[in-house]
């Protein structure tokens, strides 16, 4: 019942769906060209903060630092 209505709607709106397909294809091709263009224009130091952040456990003794690092990665998984 629902499929019949859907198929009927598609048949009555073939031109609209064709135009939507063409527009989608054009937008896809333009985005393929635009993304590298935009990425190439990002300043070279955009992601560089100037100083390295120190992790909270980096100042601890290595015997404590390694278990904390392993725990952080296990929780992240």
PDB file of N, CA and C in Angstrom:
ATOM      1  N   UNK A   1       0.819  -1.188   0.000  1.00  0.00           N
ATOM      2  CA  UNK A   1       0.000   0.000   0.000  1.00  0.00           C
ATOM      3  C   UNK A   1       0.868   1.258   0.000  1.00  0.00           C
ATOM      4  N   UNK A   2       1.851   1.291   0.898  1.00  0.00           N
ATOM      5  CA  UNK A   2       2.744   2.447   0.959  1.00  0.00           C
ATOM      6  C   UNK A   2       3.630   2.491  -0.278  1.00  0.00           C
ATOM      7  N   UNK A   3       4.092   1.312  -0.717  1.00  0.00           N
ATOM      8  CA  UNK A   3       4.952   1.260  -1.902  1.00  0.00           C
ATOM      9  C   UNK A   3       4.205   1.728  -3.150  1.00  0.00           C
ATOM     10  N   UNK A   4       2.936   1.396  -3.259  1.00  0.00           N
ATOM     11  CA  UNK A   4       2.152   1.843  -4.419  1.00  0.00           C
ATOM     12  C   UNK A   4       2.062   3.359  -4.452  1.00  0.00           C
ATOM     13  N   UNK A   5       1.817   3.959  -3.293  1.00  0.00           N
ATOM     14  CA  UNK A   5       1.746   5.421  -3.223  1.00  0.00           C
ATOM     15  C   UNK A   5       3.080   6.062  -3.534  1.00  0.00           C
ATOM     16  N   UNK A   6       4.141   5.460  -3.042  1.00  0.00           N
ATOM     17  CA  UNK A   6       5.476   5.989  -3.307  1.00  0.00           C
ATOM     18  C   UNK A   6       5.828   5.890  -4.784  1.00  0.00           C
ATOM     19  N   UNK A   7       5.548   4.744  -5.379  1.00  0.00           N
ATOM     20  CA  UNK A   7       5.826   4.581  -6.813  1.00  0.00           C
ATOM     21  C   UNK A   7       4.986   5.539  -7.648  1.00  0.00           C
ATOM     22  N   UNK A   8       3.759   5.761  -7.255  1.00  0.00           N
ATOM     23  CA  UNK A   8       2.901   6.702  -7.973  1.00  0.00           C
ATOM     24  C   UNK A   8       3.455   8.118  -7.857  1.00  0.00           C
ATOM     25  N   UNK A   9       3.938   8.481  -6.669  1.00  0.00           N
ATOM     26  CA  UNK A   9       4.505   9.813  -6.474  1.00  0.00           C
ATOM     27  C   UNK A   9       5.755   9.984  -7.325  1.00  0.00           C
ATOM     28  N   UNK A  10       6.589   8.960  -7.378  1.00  0.00           N
ATOM     29  CA  UNK A  10       7.810   9.024  -8.196  1.00  0.00           C
ATOM     30  C   UNK A  10       7.454   9.173  -9.667  1.00  0.00           C
ATOM     31  N   UNK A  11       6.466   8.436 -10.127  1.00  0.00           N
ATOM     32  CA  UNK A  11       6.064   8.531 -11.534  1.00  0.00           C
ATOM     33  C   UNK A  11       5.510   9.905 -11.882  1.00  0.00           C
ATOM     34  N   UNK A  12       4.826  10.539 -10.954  1.00  0.00           N
ATOM     35  CA  UNK A  12       4.247  11.860 -11.250  1.00  0.00           C
ATOM     36  C   UNK A  12       5.262  12.986 -11.114  1.00  0.00           C
ATOM     37  N   UNK A  13       6.385  12.714 -10.474  1.00  0.00           N
ATOM     38  CA  UNK A  13       7.389  13.751 -10.260  1.00  0.00           C
ATOM     39  C   UNK A  13       8.736  13.376 -10.888  1.00  0.00           C
ATOM     40  N   UNK A  14       8.706  12.730 -12.041  1.00  0.00           N
ATOM     41  CA  UNK A  14       9.945  12.308 -12.694  1.00  0.00           C
ATOM     42  C   UNK A  14      10.830  13.481 -13.078  1.00  0.00           C
ATOM     43  N   UNK A  15      10.231  14.552 -13.562  1.00  0.00           N
ATOM     44  CA  UNK A  15      11.018  15.716 -13.988  1.00  0.00           C
ATOM     45  C   UNK A  15      11.703  16.357 -12.779  1.00  0.00           C
ATOM     46  N   UNK A  16      10.977  16.491 -11.688  1.00  0.00           N
ATOM     47  CA  UNK A  16      11.557  17.062 -10.474  1.00  0.00           C
ATOM     48  C   UNK A  16      12.725  16.209  -9.986  1.00  0.00           C
ATOM     49  N   UNK A  17      12.544  14.913  -9.959  1.00  0.00           N
ATOM     50  CA  UNK A  17      13.607  14.021  -9.507  1.00  0.00           C
ATOM     51  C   UNK A  17      14.808  14.054 -10.444  1.00  0.00           C
ATOM     52  N   UNK A  18      14.565  14.195 -11.736  1.00  0.00           N
ATOM     53  CA  UNK A  18      15.669  14.301 -12.692  1.00  0.00           C
ATOM     54  C   UNK A  18      16.469  15.576 -12.439  1.00  0.00           C
ATOM     55  N   UNK A  19      15.783  16.694 -12.221  1.00  0.00           N
ATOM     56  CA  UNK A  19      16.470  17.950 -11.933  1.00  0.00           C
ATOM     57  C   UNK A  19      17.243  17.877 -10.621  1.00  0.00           C
ATOM     58  N   UNK A  20      16.654  17.238  -9.629  1.00  0.00           N
ATOM     59  CA  UNK A  20      17.362  17.073  -8.360  1.00  0.00           C
ATOM     60  C   UNK A  20      18.617  16.225  -8.538  1.00  0.00           C
ATOM     61  N   UNK A  21      18.554  15.220  -9.382  1.00  0.00           N
ATOM     62  CA  UNK A  21      19.728  14.404  -9.663  1.00  0.00           C
ATOM     63  C   UNK A  21      20.814  15.194 -10.359  1.00  0.00           C
ATOM     64  N   UNK A  22      20.424  16.018 -11.326  1.00  0.00           N
ATOM     65  CA  UNK A  22      21.406  16.848 -12.049  1.00  0.00           C
ATOM     66  C   UNK A  22      22.041  17.856 -11.101  1.00  0.00           C
ATOM     67  N   UNK A  23      21.227  18.503 -10.287  1.00  0.00           N
ATOM     68  CA  UNK A  23      21.753  19.486  -9.339  1.00  0.00           C
ATOM     69  C   UNK A  23      22.698  18.811  -8.340  1.00  0.00           C
ATOM     70  N   UNK A  24      22.331  17.637  -7.876  1.00  0.00           N
ATOM     71  CA  UNK A  24      23.193  16.910  -6.943  1.00  0.00           C
ATOM     72  C   UNK A  24      24.532  16.573  -7.582  1.00  0.00           C
ATOM     73  N   UNK A  25      24.517  16.142  -8.825  1.00  0.00           N
ATOM     74  CA  UNK A  25      25.760  15.807  -9.518  1.00  0.00           C
ATOM     75  C   UNK A  25      26.640  17.042  -9.695  1.00  0.00           C
ATOM     76  N   UNK A  26      26.035  18.170 -10.038  1.00  0.00           N
ATOM     77  CA  UNK A  26      26.805  19.408 -10.221  1.00  0.00           C
ATOM     78  C   UNK A  26      27.415  19.849  -8.893  1.00  0.00           C
ATOM     79  N   UNK A  27      26.637  19.816  -7.826  1.00  0.00           N
ATOM     80  CA  UNK A  27      27.154  20.208  -6.518  1.00  0.00           C
ATOM     81  C   UNK A  27      28.288  19.277  -6.088  1.00  0.00           C
ATOM     82  N   UNK A  28      28.155  17.984  -6.380  1.00  0.00           N
ATOM     83  CA  UNK A  28      29.203  17.031  -6.047  1.00  0.00           C
ATOM     84  C   UNK A  28      30.499  17.367  -6.770  1.00  0.00           C
ATOM     85  N   UNK A  29      30.423  17.626  -8.059  1.00  0.00           N
ATOM     86  CA  UNK A  29      31.631  17.928  -8.843  1.00  0.00           C
ATOM     87  C   UNK A  29      32.250  19.252  -8.396  1.00  0.00           C
ATOM     88  N   UNK A  30      31.425  20.243  -8.126  1.00  0.00           N
ATOM     89  CA  UNK A  30      31.949  21.533  -7.666  1.00  0.00           C
ATOM     90  C   UNK A  30      32.621  21.376  -6.301  1.00  0.00           C
ATOM     91  N   UNK A  31      32.033  20.573  -5.417  1.00  0.00           N
ATOM     92  CA  UNK A  31      32.648  20.382  -4.099  1.00  0.00           C
ATOM     93  C   UNK A  31      33.965  19.627  -4.208  1.00  0.00           C
ATOM     94  N   UNK A  32      34.075  18.700  -5.153  1.00  0.00           N
ATOM     95  CA  UNK A  32      35.347  18.012  -5.359  1.00  0.00           C
ATOM     96  C   UNK A  32      36.447  18.984  -5.752  1.00  0.00           C
ATOM     97  N   UNK A  33      36.098  20.007  -6.493  1.00  0.00           N
ATOM     98  CA  UNK A  33      37.090  21.010  -6.893  1.00  0.00           C
ATOM     99  C   UNK A  33      37.297  22.049  -5.798  1.00  0.00           C
ATOM    100  N   UNK A  34      36.250  22.374  -5.050  1.00  0.00           N
ATOM    101  CA  UNK A  34      36.335  23.463  -4.077  1.00  0.00           C
ATOM    102  C   UNK A  34      37.083  23.069  -2.813  1.00  0.00           C
ATOM    103  N   UNK A  35      36.927  21.854  -2.348  1.00  0.00           N
ATOM    104  CA  UNK A  35      37.558  21.465  -1.087  1.00  0.00           C
ATOM    105  C   UNK A  35      39.085  21.573  -1.170  1.00  0.00           C
ATOM    106  N   UNK A  36      39.734  21.007  -2.173  1.00  0.00           N
ATOM    107  CA  UNK A  36      41.200  21.205  -2.233  1.00  0.00           C
ATOM    108  C   UNK A  36      41.593  22.671  -2.379  1.00  0.00           C
ATOM    109  N   UNK A  37      40.792  23.444  -3.069  1.00  0.00           N
ATOM    110  CA  UNK A  37      41.078  24.868  -3.243  1.00  0.00           C
ATOM    111  C   UNK A  37      41.045  25.574  -1.890  1.00  0.00           C
ATOM    112  N   UNK A  38      40.002  25.283  -1.081  1.00  0.00           N
ATOM    113  CA  UNK A  38      39.905  25.887   0.244  1.00  0.00           C
ATOM    114  C   UNK A  38      41.022  25.400   1.166  1.00  0.00           C
ATOM    115  N   UNK A  39      41.324  24.116   1.127  1.00  0.00           N
ATOM    116  CA  UNK A  39      42.370  23.564   1.991  1.00  0.00           C
ATOM    117  C   UNK A  39      43.724  24.174   1.634  1.00  0.00           C
ATOM    118  N   UNK A  40      43.981  24.398   0.377  1.00  0.00           N
ATOM    119  CA  UNK A  40      45.253  24.991  -0.031  1.00  0.00           C
ATOM    120  C   UNK A  40      45.399  26.427   0.460  1.00  0.00           C
ATOM    121  N   UNK A  41      44.312  27.077   0.767  1.00  0.00           N
ATOM    122  CA  UNK A  41      44.361  28.460   1.223  1.00  0.00           C
ATOM    123  C   UNK A  41      44.350  28.619   2.743  1.00  0.00           C
ATOM    124  N   UNK A  42      44.369  27.512   3.482  1.00  0.00           N
ATOM    125  CA  UNK A  42      44.486  27.592   4.939  1.00  0.00           C
ATOM    126  C   UNK A  42      45.897  28.066   5.260  1.00  0.00           C
ATOM    127  N   UNK A  43      46.039  29.045   6.128  1.00  0.00           N
ATOM    128  CA  UNK A  43      47.383  29.509   6.486  1.00  0.00           C
ATOM    129  C   UNK A  43      48.229  28.365   7.056  1.00  0.00           C
ATOM    130  N   UNK A  44      49.518  28.405   6.804  1.00  0.00           N
ATOM    131  CA  UNK A  44      50.389  27.304   7.205  1.00  0.00           C
ATOM    132  C   UNK A  44      50.426  27.116   8.713  1.00  0.00           C
ATOM    133  N   UNK A  45      50.218  28.150   9.485  1.00  0.00           N
ATOM    134  CA  UNK A  45      50.272  28.047  10.937  1.00  0.00           C
ATOM    135  C   UNK A  45      48.883  28.033  11.570  1.00  0.00           C
ATOM    136  N   UNK A  46      47.882  27.665  10.818  1.00  0.00           N
ATOM    137  CA  UNK A  46      46.493  27.707  11.304  1.00  0.00           C
ATOM    138  C   UNK A  46      46.283  26.771  12.492  1.00  0.00           C
ATOM    139  N   UNK A  47      46.854  25.580  12.468  1.00  0.00           N
ATOM    140  CA  UNK A  47      46.660  24.604  13.534  1.00  0.00           C
ATOM    141  C   UNK A  47      47.783  24.628  14.572  1.00  0.00           C
ATOM    142  N   UNK A  48      48.710  25.518  14.432  1.00  0.00           N
ATOM    143  CA  UNK A  48      49.863  25.589  15.329  1.00  0.00           C
ATOM    144  C   UNK A  48      49.590  26.635  16.394  1.00  0.00           C
ATOM    145  N   UNK A  49      49.637  26.229  17.652  1.00  0.00           N
ATOM    146  CA  UNK A  49      49.319  27.160  18.739  1.00  0.00           C
ATOM    147  C   UNK A  49      50.545  27.917  19.233  1.00  0.00           C
ATOM    148  N   UNK A  50      51.739  27.490  18.873  1.00  0.00           N
ATOM    149  CA  UNK A  50      52.933  28.199  19.302  1.00  0.00           C
ATOM    150  C   UNK A  50      53.662  27.509  20.432  1.00  0.00           C
ATOM    151  N   UNK A  51      52.933  26.775  21.241  1.00  0.00           N
ATOM    152  CA  UNK A  51      53.596  26.032  22.313  1.00  0.00           C
ATOM    153  C   UNK A  51      52.892  24.694  22.481  1.00  0.00           C
ATOM    154  N   UNK A  52      53.652  23.744  22.893  1.00  0.00           N
ATOM    155  CA  UNK A  52      53.123  22.400  23.058  1.00  0.00           C
ATOM    156  C   UNK A  52      52.392  22.301  24.394  1.00  0.00           C
ATOM    157  N   UNK A  53      51.220  21.733  24.386  1.00  0.00           N
ATOM    158  CA  UNK A  53      50.471  21.594  25.631  1.00  0.00           C
ATOM    159  C   UNK A  53      51.050  20.452  26.455  1.00  0.00           C
ATOM    160  N   UNK A  54      51.096  20.649  27.738  1.00  0.00           N
ATOM    161  CA  UNK A  54      51.632  19.650  28.650  1.00  0.00           C
ATOM    162  C   UNK A  54      50.463  18.855  29.218  1.00  0.00           C
ATOM    163  N   UNK A  55      50.554  17.542  29.098  1.00  0.00           N
ATOM    164  CA  UNK A  55      49.501  16.684  29.617  1.00  0.00           C
ATOM    165  C   UNK A  55      49.542  16.690  31.143  1.00  0.00           C
ATOM    166  N   UNK A  56      48.400  16.505  31.788  1.00  0.00           N
ATOM    167  CA  UNK A  56      48.358  16.594  33.256  1.00  0.00           C
ATOM    168  C   UNK A  56      49.286  15.605  33.958  1.00  0.00           C
ATOM    169  N   UNK A  57      49.496  14.435  33.375  1.00  0.00           N
ATOM    170  CA  UNK A  57      50.314  13.419  34.042  1.00  0.00           C
ATOM    171  C   UNK A  57      51.762  13.421  33.555  1.00  0.00           C
ATOM    172  N   UNK A  58      52.139  14.360  32.724  1.00  0.00           N
ATOM    173  CA  UNK A  58      53.492  14.366  32.148  1.00  0.00           C
ATOM    174  C   UNK A  58      54.558  14.672  33.191  1.00  0.00           C
ATOM    175  N   UNK A  59      54.201  15.358  34.253  1.00  0.00           N
ATOM    176  CA  UNK A  59      55.192  15.728  35.270  1.00  0.00           C
ATOM    177  C   UNK A  59      55.346  14.657  36.348  1.00  0.00           C
ATOM    178  N   UNK A  60      54.503  13.641  36.309  1.00  0.00           N
ATOM    179  CA  UNK A  60      54.574  12.588  37.318  1.00  0.00           C
ATOM    180  C   UNK A  60      55.746  11.639  37.044  1.00  0.00           C
ATOM    181  N   UNK A  61      56.049  10.847  38.036  1.00  0.00           N
ATOM    182  CA  UNK A  61      57.111   9.840  37.932  1.00  0.00           C
ATOM    183  C   UNK A  61      56.738   8.834  36.839  1.00  0.00           C
ATOM    184  N   UNK A  62      57.712   8.319  36.081  1.00  0.00           N
ATOM    185  CA  UNK A  62      57.405   7.362  35.004  1.00  0.00           C
ATOM    186  C   UNK A  62      56.623   6.138  35.470  1.00  0.00           C
ATOM    187  N   UNK A  63      56.821   5.721  36.711  1.00  0.00           N
ATOM    188  CA  UNK A  63      56.082   4.560  37.214  1.00  0.00           C
ATOM    189  C   UNK A  63      54.592   4.857  37.330  1.00  0.00           C
ATOM    190  N   UNK A  64      54.235   6.119  37.480  1.00  0.00           N
ATOM    191  CA  UNK A  64      52.833   6.520  37.529  1.00  0.00           C
ATOM    192  C   UNK A  64      52.344   6.982  36.157  1.00  0.00           C
ATOM    193  N   UNK A  65      53.248   7.586  35.400  1.00  0.00           N
ATOM    194  CA  UNK A  65      52.872   8.131  34.089  1.00  0.00           C
ATOM    195  C   UNK A  65      52.420   7.039  33.124  1.00  0.00           C
ATOM    196  N   UNK A  66      53.152   5.936  33.038  1.00  0.00           N
ATOM    197  CA  UNK A  66      52.815   4.874  32.079  1.00  0.00           C
ATOM    198  C   UNK A  66      51.470   4.225  32.363  1.00  0.00           C
ATOM    199  N   UNK A  67      51.162   3.856  33.615  1.00  0.00           N
ATOM    200  CA  UNK A  67      49.816   3.304  33.860  1.00  0.00           C
ATOM    201  C   UNK A  67      48.703   4.303  33.545  1.00  0.00           C
ATOM    202  N   UNK A  68      48.938   5.582  33.824  1.00  0.00           N
ATOM    203  CA  UNK A  68      47.930   6.592  33.488  1.00  0.00           C
ATOM    204  C   UNK A  68      47.753   6.708  31.978  1.00  0.00           C
ATOM    205  N   UNK A  69      48.838   6.632  31.243  1.00  0.00           N
ATOM    206  CA  UNK A  69      48.762   6.690  29.791  1.00  0.00           C
ATOM    207  C   UNK A  69      48.009   5.488  29.225  1.00  0.00           C
ATOM    208  N   UNK A  70      48.303   4.301  29.753  1.00  0.00           N
ATOM    209  CA  UNK A  70      47.599   3.094  29.312  1.00  0.00           C
ATOM    210  C   UNK A  70      46.120   3.194  29.664  1.00  0.00           C
ATOM    211  N   UNK A  71      45.807   3.654  30.871  1.00  0.00           N
ATOM    212  CA  UNK A  71      44.418   3.812  31.294  1.00  0.00           C
ATOM    213  C   UNK A  71      43.680   4.789  30.392  1.00  0.00           C
ATOM    214  N   UNK A  72      44.324   5.894  30.051  1.00  0.00           N
ATOM    215  CA  UNK A  72      43.703   6.886  29.154  1.00  0.00           C
ATOM    216  C   UNK A  72      43.362   6.263  27.807  1.00  0.00           C
ATOM    217  N   UNK A  73      44.266   5.476  27.260  1.00  0.00           N
ATOM    218  CA  UNK A  73      44.035   4.863  25.953  1.00  0.00           C
ATOM    219  C   UNK A  73      42.989   3.767  26.035  1.00  0.00           C
ATOM    220  N   UNK A  74      42.957   3.015  27.113  1.00  0.00           N
ATOM    221  CA  UNK A  74      41.932   1.967  27.250  1.00  0.00           C
ATOM    222  C   UNK A  74      40.559   2.605  27.371  1.00  0.00           C
ATOM    223  N   UNK A  75      40.437   3.672  28.156  1.00  0.00           N
ATOM    224  CA  UNK A  75      39.159   4.357  28.284  1.00  0.00           C
ATOM    225  C   UNK A  75      38.750   4.959  26.941  1.00  0.00           C
ATOM    226  N   UNK A  76      39.715   5.434  26.186  1.00  0.00           N
ATOM    227  CA  UNK A  76      39.405   6.003  24.863  1.00  0.00           C
ATOM    228  C   UNK A  76      38.888   4.969  23.881  1.00  0.00           C
ATOM    229  N   UNK A  77      39.320   3.736  24.022  1.00  0.00           N
ATOM    230  CA  UNK A  77      38.848   2.684  23.127  1.00  0.00           C
ATOM    231  C   UNK A  77      37.433   2.363  23.474  1.00  0.00           C
TER     232      UNK A  77
END
